[in-house]
Amino acid sequence: MGTSRCFRLAFLLGSVLMVLLIILYWDDVGALNLYPHDPHDLYPHDPHPHPTSPSSPTPTKPPPRDTEEQATHKPPRTTEPDRPGEGRRATPKPPGVEHPLPQVTDSSELEGRWRGEEGKREEERVRQAEEEKREEEGRRREERRRRISHMCSGNGTLEFPGKFRTFDQIPNRELNHLIVDDRHEIIYCYVPKVACTNWKRVMVVLSEGLLAPDGQPYRDPQALPPDLIHNSSLHLTFSKFWRRYGRLSRHLMRVKLQSYTKFLFVRDPFVRLISAFRNKFQQPNEDFYRQFGSVMLRRYGNENGTSRVPESAAEAFEAGIQPSFSEFVRYLLDPQTEQEQPFNEHWRQVYRLCHPCQIHYDFIGTLENLEDDSDQLLRILGLEDQIKFPPSNRNRTAASWERDWFAEVPAELRRKLYSLYEPDFELFGYPKPESLLHH
């Protein structure tokens, strides 16, 4: 009896518990059906749902939102509406993200891009070529300086007058080709027939030593009056230091030689002689005719049937009587010439004008590479934006003319002439004209 009662009681309790569980389960299922997921839930953007556990209380329906809020609050649109025949456009990237370049389908635009890239490559090639050229020119100038240093030392085998004298032993009158610009700390040794006219123009402009009609210094080298360029009063040279500074002159010269930038330009010695002859004796020049031309005719002209020497250049040119280049060479080789007076600056050797064994030049340019060397020198001086080197004379004597000009000069005289100018050939690296000397 006791066992049967306990069994019925347990069955009853189990049935009640089962009913309660069914009610609870039904209540949960009904709540889920009554309140489906709303996109405007309390957590509309929460990517993690909040599951309802069996033990959690029955959820309640959220209060209705305000009608106006429901009408205005819309999730942000990230795509444009569909258009007929088009799919949805891709979502634009946020700011800061690079957009890929659009593909180019126009052939002309493709060609333009190609030409642009090709132009850049060509500019780079030109720039590299110019840089290599400047480096090569710099190496040649450095080699020229080393060559001069070697030849002027005791190791050099070539002997020439004044090689071993000191700077203080050079007479003042031989320093008249060293032009000084204190404003820019420059010393220029000018060599006639080696672009000295244009470099004198530059030096006058830099020193502001000449005023234009408006009262201001000349700024353009080409604007200078031609008849004033070679006026010695415009240029401060070392030869004038004695009158200005007295006993301090040599000391000041040495100080400036140590700290200033010193430069000169050189030229093939034989071509320079041809240029001097053309300029001074192939056109009427009274001064040069009276001082030199008439002397050549009197000394050597009678051998060519010239009995009377005209008194003036005009008379000589009218009569067709002019010294020849061969007579000019004989005049240079004649010992009597320098016994009467030193060589004129237009055919005096460069080593006698600029004293490269006593003055260590920072820059030695050449007429054969005048434009590039001049531009490079102005860059070194920091003046490339301040002044431009004037255009060179297009009627310049060419090296290819040597054979024609020396054709009338006997080979023996050519070799003697080379010996006279050999220091300039050797010092400045000009090759010995073998074919000219032996044919």
Protein backbone atom coordinates (compact mmCIF):
# COMPACT_ATOMS: atom_id res chain seq x y z
CA MET A 1 0.00 0.00 0.00
CA GLY A 2 2.76 2.44 0.83
CA THR A 3 4.69 1.57 -2.30
CA SER A 4 1.69 2.00 -4.56
CA ARG A 5 0.91 5.42 -3.07
CA CYS A 6 4.45 6.64 -3.54
CA PHE A 7 4.41 5.53 -7.14
CA ARG A 8 1.17 7.41 -7.89
CA LEU A 9 2.51 10.53 -6.18
CA ALA A 10 5.67 10.46 -8.25
CA PHE A 11 3.67 9.97 -11.43
CA LEU A 12 1.45 12.91 -10.58
CA LEU A 13 4.38 15.19 -9.86
CA GLY A 14 6.08 14.16 -13.08
CA SER A 15 2.93 14.88 -15.06
CA VAL A 16 2.61 18.33 -13.50
CA LEU A 17 6.27 19.07 -14.28
CA MET A 18 5.79 17.93 -17.84
CA VAL A 19 2.79 20.22 -18.24
CA LEU A 20 4.74 23.15 -16.85
CA LEU A 21 7.59 22.50 -19.26
CA ILE A 22 5.20 22.36 -22.19
CA ILE A 23 3.60 25.64 -21.13
CA LEU A 24 6.97 27.32 -20.83
CA TYR A 25 8.10 26.00 -24.17
CA TRP A 26 4.92 27.10 -25.88
CA ASP A 27 5.17 30.54 -24.38
CA ASP A 28 8.70 30.96 -25.79
CA VAL A 29 7.70 29.83 -29.27
CA GLY A 30 4.71 32.12 -29.28
CA ALA A 31 6.79 35.12 -28.33
CA LEU A 32 9.17 34.46 -31.21
CA ASN A 33 6.27 34.23 -33.63
CA LEU A 34 4.55 37.35 -32.32
CA TYR A 35 7.68 39.55 -32.48
CA PRO A 36 9.78 38.76 -35.58
CA HIS A 37 13.21 40.47 -36.14
CA ASP A 38 12.81 44.15 -37.00
CA PRO A 39 15.62 45.93 -38.92
CA HIS A 40 14.98 48.93 -36.65
CA ASP A 41 15.62 46.95 -33.51
CA LEU A 42 17.32 48.45 -30.54
CA TYR A 43 20.61 47.22 -31.99
CA PRO A 44 20.13 47.80 -35.72
CA HIS A 45 23.87 47.84 -36.53
CA ASP A 46 25.11 45.28 -34.03
CA PRO A 47 26.57 42.43 -36.05
CA HIS A 48 26.31 40.12 -32.98
CA PRO A 49 22.70 39.01 -32.12
CA HIS A 50 21.61 38.67 -28.51
CA PRO A 51 20.17 35.16 -28.20
CA THR A 52 17.47 34.47 -25.70
CA SER A 53 18.32 31.78 -23.31
CA PRO A 54 15.65 29.48 -21.99
CA SER A 55 16.14 30.94 -18.56
CA SER A 56 15.85 34.59 -19.63
CA PRO A 57 12.62 36.42 -19.01
CA THR A 58 10.06 36.69 -21.72
CA PRO A 59 11.04 39.63 -24.05
CA THR A 60 8.66 42.48 -24.31
CA LYS A 61 7.80 44.37 -27.46
CA PRO A 62 9.77 47.65 -27.78
CA PRO A 63 7.77 50.85 -27.69
CA PRO A 64 6.78 52.17 -31.11
CA ARG A 65 9.10 54.82 -32.61
CA ASP A 66 7.94 58.30 -33.38
CA THR A 67 6.24 58.48 -36.76
CA GLU A 68 8.45 61.36 -38.01
CA GLU A 69 11.60 59.48 -37.01
CA GLN A 70 10.39 56.43 -38.86
CA ALA A 71 9.76 58.57 -41.94
CA THR A 72 13.20 60.33 -41.94
CA HIS A 73 15.55 57.71 -40.54
CA LYS A 74 16.82 55.56 -43.40
CA PRO A 75 19.89 53.45 -43.56
CA PRO A 76 22.61 55.19 -45.64
CA ARG A 77 22.51 54.19 -49.29
CA THR A 78 25.81 52.92 -50.54
CA THR A 79 24.76 52.12 -54.05
CA GLU A 80 23.02 54.08 -56.74
CA PRO A 81 19.59 52.90 -57.89
CA ASP A 82 19.53 50.42 -60.68
CA ARG A 83 19.21 51.74 -64.19
CA PRO A 84 17.80 49.84 -67.11
CA GLY A 85 20.50 47.66 -68.58
CA GLU A 86 22.99 48.44 -65.80
CA GLY A 87 23.98 46.64 -62.68
CA ARG A 88 24.64 48.30 -59.39
CA ARG A 89 27.76 50.46 -59.23
CA ALA A 90 30.57 49.54 -56.93
CA THR A 91 30.63 51.14 -53.53
CA PRO A 92 32.99 54.18 -53.66
CA LYS A 93 36.18 53.91 -51.66
CA PRO A 94 36.55 56.02 -48.54
CA PRO A 95 38.70 59.17 -48.68
CA GLY A 96 42.45 58.58 -48.74
CA VAL A 97 42.20 55.40 -50.82
CA GLU A 98 43.86 55.79 -54.23
CA HIS A 99 41.60 55.28 -57.19
CA PRO A 100 43.13 53.31 -60.03
CA LEU A 101 43.74 55.26 -63.23
CA PRO A 102 41.02 54.73 -65.78
CA GLN A 103 41.95 52.62 -68.73
CA VAL A 104 42.84 54.56 -71.83
CA THR A 105 41.17 53.42 -74.98
CA ASP A 106 41.85 56.47 -77.20
CA SER A 107 44.85 55.73 -79.46
CA SER A 108 45.81 59.41 -79.63
CA GLU A 109 45.92 59.59 -75.84
CA LEU A 110 48.03 56.44 -75.71
CA GLU A 111 50.40 57.95 -78.27
CA GLY A 112 50.56 61.18 -76.26
CA ARG A 113 51.49 59.26 -73.14
CA TRP A 114 54.15 57.34 -75.02
CA ARG A 115 55.60 60.50 -76.49
CA GLY A 116 55.64 62.10 -73.05
CA GLU A 117 57.54 59.16 -71.56
CA GLU A 118 59.89 59.10 -74.53
CA GLY A 119 60.48 62.84 -74.14
CA LYS A 120 61.39 62.39 -70.49
CA ARG A 121 63.81 59.62 -71.38
CA GLU A 122 65.38 61.79 -74.07
CA GLU A 123 65.77 64.69 -71.62
CA GLU A 124 67.45 62.34 -69.16
CA ARG A 125 69.80 61.08 -71.89
CA VAL A 126 70.70 64.66 -72.86
CA ARG A 127 71.25 65.60 -69.23
CA GLN A 128 73.51 62.60 -68.66
CA ALA A 129 75.45 63.35 -71.88
CA GLU A 130 75.98 66.96 -70.80
CA GLU A 131 77.06 65.84 -67.36
CA GLU A 132 79.53 63.35 -68.84
CA LYS A 133 80.83 66.05 -71.18
CA ARG A 134 81.38 68.47 -68.28
CA GLU A 135 83.16 65.74 -66.33
CA GLU A 136 85.39 64.98 -69.30
CA GLU A 137 86.18 68.66 -69.76
CA GLY A 138 86.97 68.93 -66.06
CA ARG A 139 89.36 65.99 -66.36
CA ARG A 140 91.09 67.65 -69.32
CA ARG A 141 91.49 70.91 -67.40
CA GLU A 142 92.87 69.06 -64.40
CA GLU A 143 95.26 67.17 -66.65
CA ARG A 144 96.38 70.50 -68.15
CA ARG A 145 97.08 71.87 -64.69
CA ARG A 146 99.09 68.76 -63.74
CA ARG A 147 100.99 69.02 -67.01
CA ILE A 148 101.91 72.63 -66.31
CA SER A 149 102.98 71.79 -62.78
CA HIS A 150 105.20 68.97 -64.05
CA MET A 151 106.79 71.04 -66.82
CA CYS A 152 107.47 73.97 -64.51
CA SER A 153 109.14 71.73 -61.94
CA GLY A 154 112.71 70.54 -62.08
CA ASN A 155 111.48 67.29 -63.63
CA GLY A 156 110.43 68.97 -66.87
CA THR A 157 112.91 68.54 -69.70
CA LEU A 158 111.81 71.55 -71.76
CA GLU A 159 113.74 74.73 -71.02
CA PHE A 160 112.43 78.21 -71.75
CA PRO A 161 113.19 81.74 -70.51
CA GLY A 162 111.80 82.61 -67.07
CA LYS A 163 110.93 79.02 -66.15
CA PHE A 164 112.58 79.03 -62.74
CA ARG A 165 112.25 82.64 -61.66
CA THR A 166 109.97 83.54 -58.76
CA PHE A 167 106.91 85.73 -58.93
CA ASP A 168 108.76 88.60 -57.25
CA GLN A 169 111.38 88.48 -60.01
CA ILE A 170 108.80 89.25 -62.70
CA PRO A 171 109.01 92.96 -63.65
CA ASN A 172 105.87 95.03 -63.15
CA ARG A 173 105.65 95.79 -66.88
CA GLU A 174 105.20 92.05 -67.54
CA LEU A 175 102.19 91.87 -65.21
CA ASN A 176 100.00 94.17 -67.31
CA HIS A 177 97.83 91.30 -68.60
CA LEU A 178 96.52 90.30 -65.17
CA ILE A 179 93.15 92.05 -64.72
CA VAL A 180 91.82 92.13 -61.14
CA ASP A 181 88.17 92.29 -60.08
CA ASP A 182 88.05 92.80 -56.32
CA ARG A 183 84.23 92.77 -56.17
CA HIS A 184 84.09 89.13 -57.26
CA GLU A 185 87.65 88.13 -56.30
CA ILE A 186 88.68 87.21 -59.84
CA ILE A 187 92.00 87.52 -61.69
CA TYR A 188 91.92 87.11 -65.46
CA CYS A 189 95.02 86.92 -67.63
CA TYR A 190 93.96 88.02 -71.08
CA VAL A 191 95.65 86.61 -74.18
CA PRO A 192 95.08 88.57 -77.41
CA LYS A 193 93.39 86.55 -80.19
CA VAL A 194 91.90 84.18 -77.60
CA ALA A 195 88.44 85.71 -77.01
CA CYS A 196 89.99 88.44 -74.89
CA THR A 197 87.64 91.12 -76.27
CA ASN A 198 84.55 89.34 -74.97
CA TRP A 199 86.17 88.45 -71.66
CA LYS A 200 87.21 92.08 -71.21
CA ARG A 201 83.57 93.00 -71.77
CA VAL A 202 82.58 90.61 -69.01
CA MET A 203 85.23 91.97 -66.64
CA VAL A 204 84.10 95.58 -67.21
CA VAL A 205 80.48 94.66 -66.45
CA LEU A 206 81.43 92.69 -63.33
CA SER A 207 83.62 95.46 -61.95
CA GLU A 208 80.99 98.12 -62.80
CA GLY A 209 83.88 100.21 -64.08
CA LEU A 210 81.96 101.95 -66.88
CA LEU A 211 78.70 103.90 -66.69
CA ALA A 212 76.07 103.84 -69.43
CA PRO A 213 74.49 107.07 -70.74
CA ASP A 214 71.72 106.71 -68.12
CA GLY A 215 74.31 106.98 -65.35
CA GLN A 216 74.04 103.32 -64.33
CA PRO A 217 76.80 100.70 -64.79
CA TYR A 218 76.57 98.61 -67.92
CA ARG A 219 74.82 95.27 -67.31
CA ASP A 220 75.05 93.75 -70.79
CA PRO A 221 78.57 92.98 -72.08
CA GLN A 222 77.43 93.38 -75.69
CA ALA A 223 76.20 96.92 -75.00
CA LEU A 224 79.69 98.22 -74.25
CA PRO A 225 81.09 100.65 -76.86
CA PRO A 226 83.64 98.69 -78.94
CA ASP A 227 86.19 101.50 -78.93
CA LEU A 228 86.37 101.47 -75.12
CA ILE A 229 86.75 97.75 -74.47
CA HIS A 230 90.53 97.76 -74.85
CA ASN A 231 91.00 101.06 -73.03
CA SER A 232 93.57 100.23 -70.37
CA SER A 233 92.12 102.79 -67.96
CA LEU A 234 89.02 100.58 -67.54
CA HIS A 235 90.98 97.64 -66.16
CA LEU A 236 92.88 97.34 -62.89
CA THR A 237 95.97 95.24 -63.62
CA PHE A 238 98.85 94.12 -61.42
CA SER A 239 101.15 96.50 -63.29
CA LYS A 240 99.17 99.43 -61.80
CA PHE A 241 99.53 98.26 -58.21
CA TRP A 242 102.86 100.02 -57.69
CA ARG A 243 101.36 103.45 -58.43
CA ARG A 244 98.40 102.71 -56.17
CA TYR A 245 99.93 100.80 -53.24
CA GLY A 246 103.68 101.50 -53.42
CA ARG A 247 105.78 99.10 -51.37
CA LEU A 248 102.73 97.06 -50.37
CA SER A 249 101.97 96.20 -54.00
CA ARG A 250 103.83 92.88 -54.16
CA HIS A 251 102.42 91.73 -50.84
CA LEU A 252 98.86 92.54 -51.99
CA MET A 253 99.47 90.72 -55.27
CA ARG A 254 100.54 87.57 -53.43
CA VAL A 255 97.52 87.77 -51.10
CA LYS A 256 95.13 88.07 -54.03
CA LEU A 257 96.86 85.31 -55.96
CA GLN A 258 96.34 82.98 -53.02
CA SER A 259 92.66 83.74 -52.41
CA TYR A 260 91.19 84.89 -55.77
CA THR A 261 90.01 82.64 -58.61
CA LYS A 262 92.56 82.88 -61.43
CA PHE A 263 91.80 81.90 -65.01
CA LEU A 264 92.94 82.29 -68.61
CA PHE A 265 92.02 80.96 -72.06
CA VAL A 266 94.51 79.49 -74.53
CA ARG A 267 94.57 78.49 -78.19
CA ASP A 268 96.60 76.42 -80.62
CA PRO A 269 99.75 78.58 -80.97
CA PHE A 270 100.02 78.37 -84.78
CA VAL A 271 96.32 79.10 -85.30
CA ARG A 272 96.69 82.09 -82.98
CA LEU A 273 99.53 83.42 -85.16
CA ILE A 274 97.41 83.06 -88.31
CA SER A 275 94.54 84.90 -86.58
CA ALA A 276 96.86 87.73 -85.54
CA PHE A 277 98.24 88.10 -89.05
CA ARG A 278 94.78 88.15 -90.63
CA ASN A 279 93.52 90.75 -88.16
CA LYS A 280 96.49 93.11 -88.21
CA PHE A 281 97.99 92.86 -91.70
CA GLN A 282 95.27 91.74 -94.10
CA GLN A 283 93.21 94.85 -93.55
CA PRO A 284 94.35 98.48 -93.33
CA ASN A 285 95.68 99.15 -89.83
CA GLU A 286 97.87 102.21 -89.69
CA ASP A 287 99.43 101.52 -86.31
CA PHE A 288 100.40 97.95 -87.07
CA TYR A 289 101.52 98.78 -90.56
CA ARG A 290 103.84 101.58 -89.43
CA GLN A 291 105.29 99.64 -86.48
CA PHE A 292 105.55 96.17 -87.99
CA GLY A 293 104.25 95.82 -91.54
CA SER A 294 106.56 98.37 -93.08
CA VAL A 295 109.50 96.83 -91.19
CA MET A 296 108.73 93.41 -92.70
CA LEU A 297 108.56 94.91 -96.19
CA ARG A 298 111.85 96.79 -95.79
CA ARG A 299 113.68 93.75 -94.41
CA TYR A 300 112.35 91.03 -96.69
CA GLY A 301 110.28 92.76 -99.38
CA ASN A 302 113.18 93.56 -101.74
CA GLU A 303 113.70 89.85 -102.22
CA ASN A 304 110.21 89.75 -103.77
CA GLY A 305 110.81 92.77 -106.04
CA THR A 306 109.41 95.39 -103.69
CA SER A 307 111.66 98.41 -104.22
CA ARG A 308 109.72 101.09 -102.43
CA VAL A 309 107.85 100.67 -99.15
CA PRO A 310 104.67 102.76 -98.91
CA GLU A 311 104.52 105.13 -95.96
CA SER A 312 100.94 104.35 -94.91
CA ALA A 313 98.67 101.34 -94.79
CA ALA A 314 96.17 103.03 -97.10
CA GLU A 315 98.83 103.64 -99.73
CA ALA A 316 100.18 100.11 -99.36
CA PHE A 317 96.74 98.50 -99.76
CA GLU A 318 95.94 100.75 -102.73
CA ALA A 319 99.16 99.64 -104.39
CA GLY A 320 98.55 96.01 -103.46
CA ILE A 321 101.72 95.87 -101.38
CA GLN A 322 101.29 93.89 -98.18
CA PRO A 323 103.56 91.72 -96.10
CA SER A 324 103.02 88.00 -96.68
CA PHE A 325 102.54 85.38 -94.00
CA SER A 326 105.95 83.95 -94.85
CA GLU A 327 107.52 87.38 -94.24
CA PHE A 328 105.65 87.57 -90.95
CA VAL A 329 107.19 84.22 -89.89
CA ARG A 330 110.67 85.41 -90.88
CA TYR A 331 110.09 88.57 -88.84
CA LEU A 332 109.23 86.49 -85.75
CA LEU A 333 112.34 84.31 -86.20
CA ASP A 334 114.71 87.19 -86.84
CA PRO A 335 116.88 87.84 -83.72
CA GLN A 336 116.91 91.54 -84.61
CA THR A 337 113.17 91.76 -83.92
CA GLU A 338 113.37 91.24 -80.16
CA GLN A 339 116.59 93.15 -79.93
CA GLU A 340 114.67 96.23 -81.05
CA GLN A 341 111.56 95.61 -78.90
CA PRO A 342 109.74 92.70 -77.22
CA PHE A 343 107.13 90.83 -79.21
CA ASN A 344 103.80 92.56 -79.52
CA GLU A 345 101.14 91.04 -77.25
CA HIS A 346 99.24 89.63 -80.24
CA TRP A 347 102.04 87.18 -81.04
CA ARG A 348 103.91 87.06 -77.76
CA GLN A 349 103.95 83.57 -76.27
CA VAL A 350 101.31 82.84 -73.63
CA TYR A 351 103.88 81.69 -71.08
CA ARG A 352 105.42 85.19 -71.31
CA LEU A 353 102.07 86.94 -70.93
CA CYS A 354 100.53 84.93 -68.07
CA HIS A 355 103.50 83.27 -66.28
CA PRO A 356 101.92 79.85 -65.62
CA CYS A 357 105.05 78.63 -63.81
CA GLN A 358 104.71 81.39 -61.21
CA ILE A 359 100.91 81.70 -61.04
CA HIS A 360 98.84 78.59 -60.35
CA TYR A 361 95.67 79.10 -62.36
CA ASP A 362 92.42 77.60 -61.10
CA PHE A 363 90.82 77.40 -64.53
CA ILE A 364 92.38 77.18 -68.00
CA GLY A 365 89.87 77.17 -70.82
CA THR A 366 90.45 76.83 -74.55
CA LEU A 367 89.17 78.76 -77.52
CA GLU A 368 88.41 75.45 -79.21
CA ASN A 369 85.80 74.83 -76.51
CA LEU A 370 85.05 78.47 -75.72
CA GLU A 371 81.29 78.42 -75.19
CA ASP A 372 81.18 75.37 -72.92
CA ASP A 373 84.27 76.41 -70.97
CA SER A 374 82.94 79.93 -70.48
CA ASP A 375 79.58 78.66 -69.22
CA GLN A 376 81.33 76.25 -66.88
CA LEU A 377 83.60 79.00 -65.54
CA LEU A 378 80.65 81.30 -64.84
CA ARG A 379 78.98 78.44 -62.94
CA ILE A 380 82.12 77.91 -60.89
CA LEU A 381 82.21 81.62 -60.10
CA GLY A 382 78.50 81.58 -59.20
CA LEU A 383 77.75 84.20 -61.87
CA GLU A 384 75.74 82.13 -64.37
CA ASP A 385 72.49 83.95 -63.45
CA GLN A 386 74.13 87.38 -63.34
CA ILE A 387 75.88 87.58 -66.69
CA LYS A 388 76.02 85.71 -69.99
CA PHE A 389 79.14 85.26 -72.08
CA PRO A 390 78.75 87.13 -75.40
CA PRO A 391 78.44 85.14 -78.64
CA SER A 392 81.76 84.37 -80.31
CA ASN A 393 82.99 85.67 -83.65
CA ARG A 394 81.83 83.41 -86.47
CA ASN A 395 84.78 84.51 -88.67
CA ARG A 396 87.17 82.71 -86.35
CA THR A 397 90.37 81.31 -87.81
CA ALA A 398 90.04 77.52 -88.08
CA ALA A 399 92.74 74.99 -87.26
CA SER A 400 92.07 73.29 -90.61
CA TRP A 401 93.54 76.34 -92.34
CA GLU A 402 97.07 75.72 -91.04
CA ARG A 403 98.25 73.69 -94.02
CA ASP A 404 97.07 76.33 -96.51
CA TRP A 405 98.66 79.21 -94.60
CA PHE A 406 101.97 77.45 -94.05
CA ALA A 407 102.19 76.17 -97.62
CA GLU A 408 104.36 79.16 -98.63
CA VAL A 409 106.59 78.85 -95.53
CA PRO A 410 109.69 76.64 -96.02
CA ALA A 411 109.78 73.52 -93.81
CA GLU A 412 112.96 74.71 -92.09
CA LEU A 413 111.24 77.93 -90.98
CA ARG A 414 108.22 75.95 -89.78
CA ARG A 415 110.43 73.84 -87.52
CA LYS A 416 112.18 76.92 -86.14
CA LEU A 417 108.84 78.56 -85.53
CA TYR A 418 107.67 75.51 -83.61
CA SER A 419 110.77 75.68 -81.41
CA LEU A 420 109.96 79.33 -80.68
CA TYR A 421 106.41 78.44 -79.55
CA GLU A 422 107.09 74.94 -78.24
CA PRO A 423 106.61 75.96 -74.57
CA ASP A 424 103.00 77.00 -75.35
CA PHE A 425 102.36 73.74 -77.23
CA GLU A 426 103.75 71.65 -74.38
CA LEU A 427 102.44 73.60 -71.40
CA PHE A 428 98.85 73.69 -72.57
CA GLY A 429 98.68 70.24 -74.14
CA TYR A 430 98.47 71.04 -77.85
CA PRO A 431 99.83 68.23 -80.05
CA LYS A 432 102.96 68.77 -82.07
CA PRO A 433 101.95 69.35 -85.73
CA GLU A 434 104.16 66.60 -87.13
CA SER A 435 102.71 66.61 -90.64
CA LEU A 436 103.15 70.37 -90.87
CA LEU A 437 106.77 70.24 -89.73
CA HIS A 438 108.00 67.42 -91.97
CA HIS A 439 106.22 68.01 -95.27
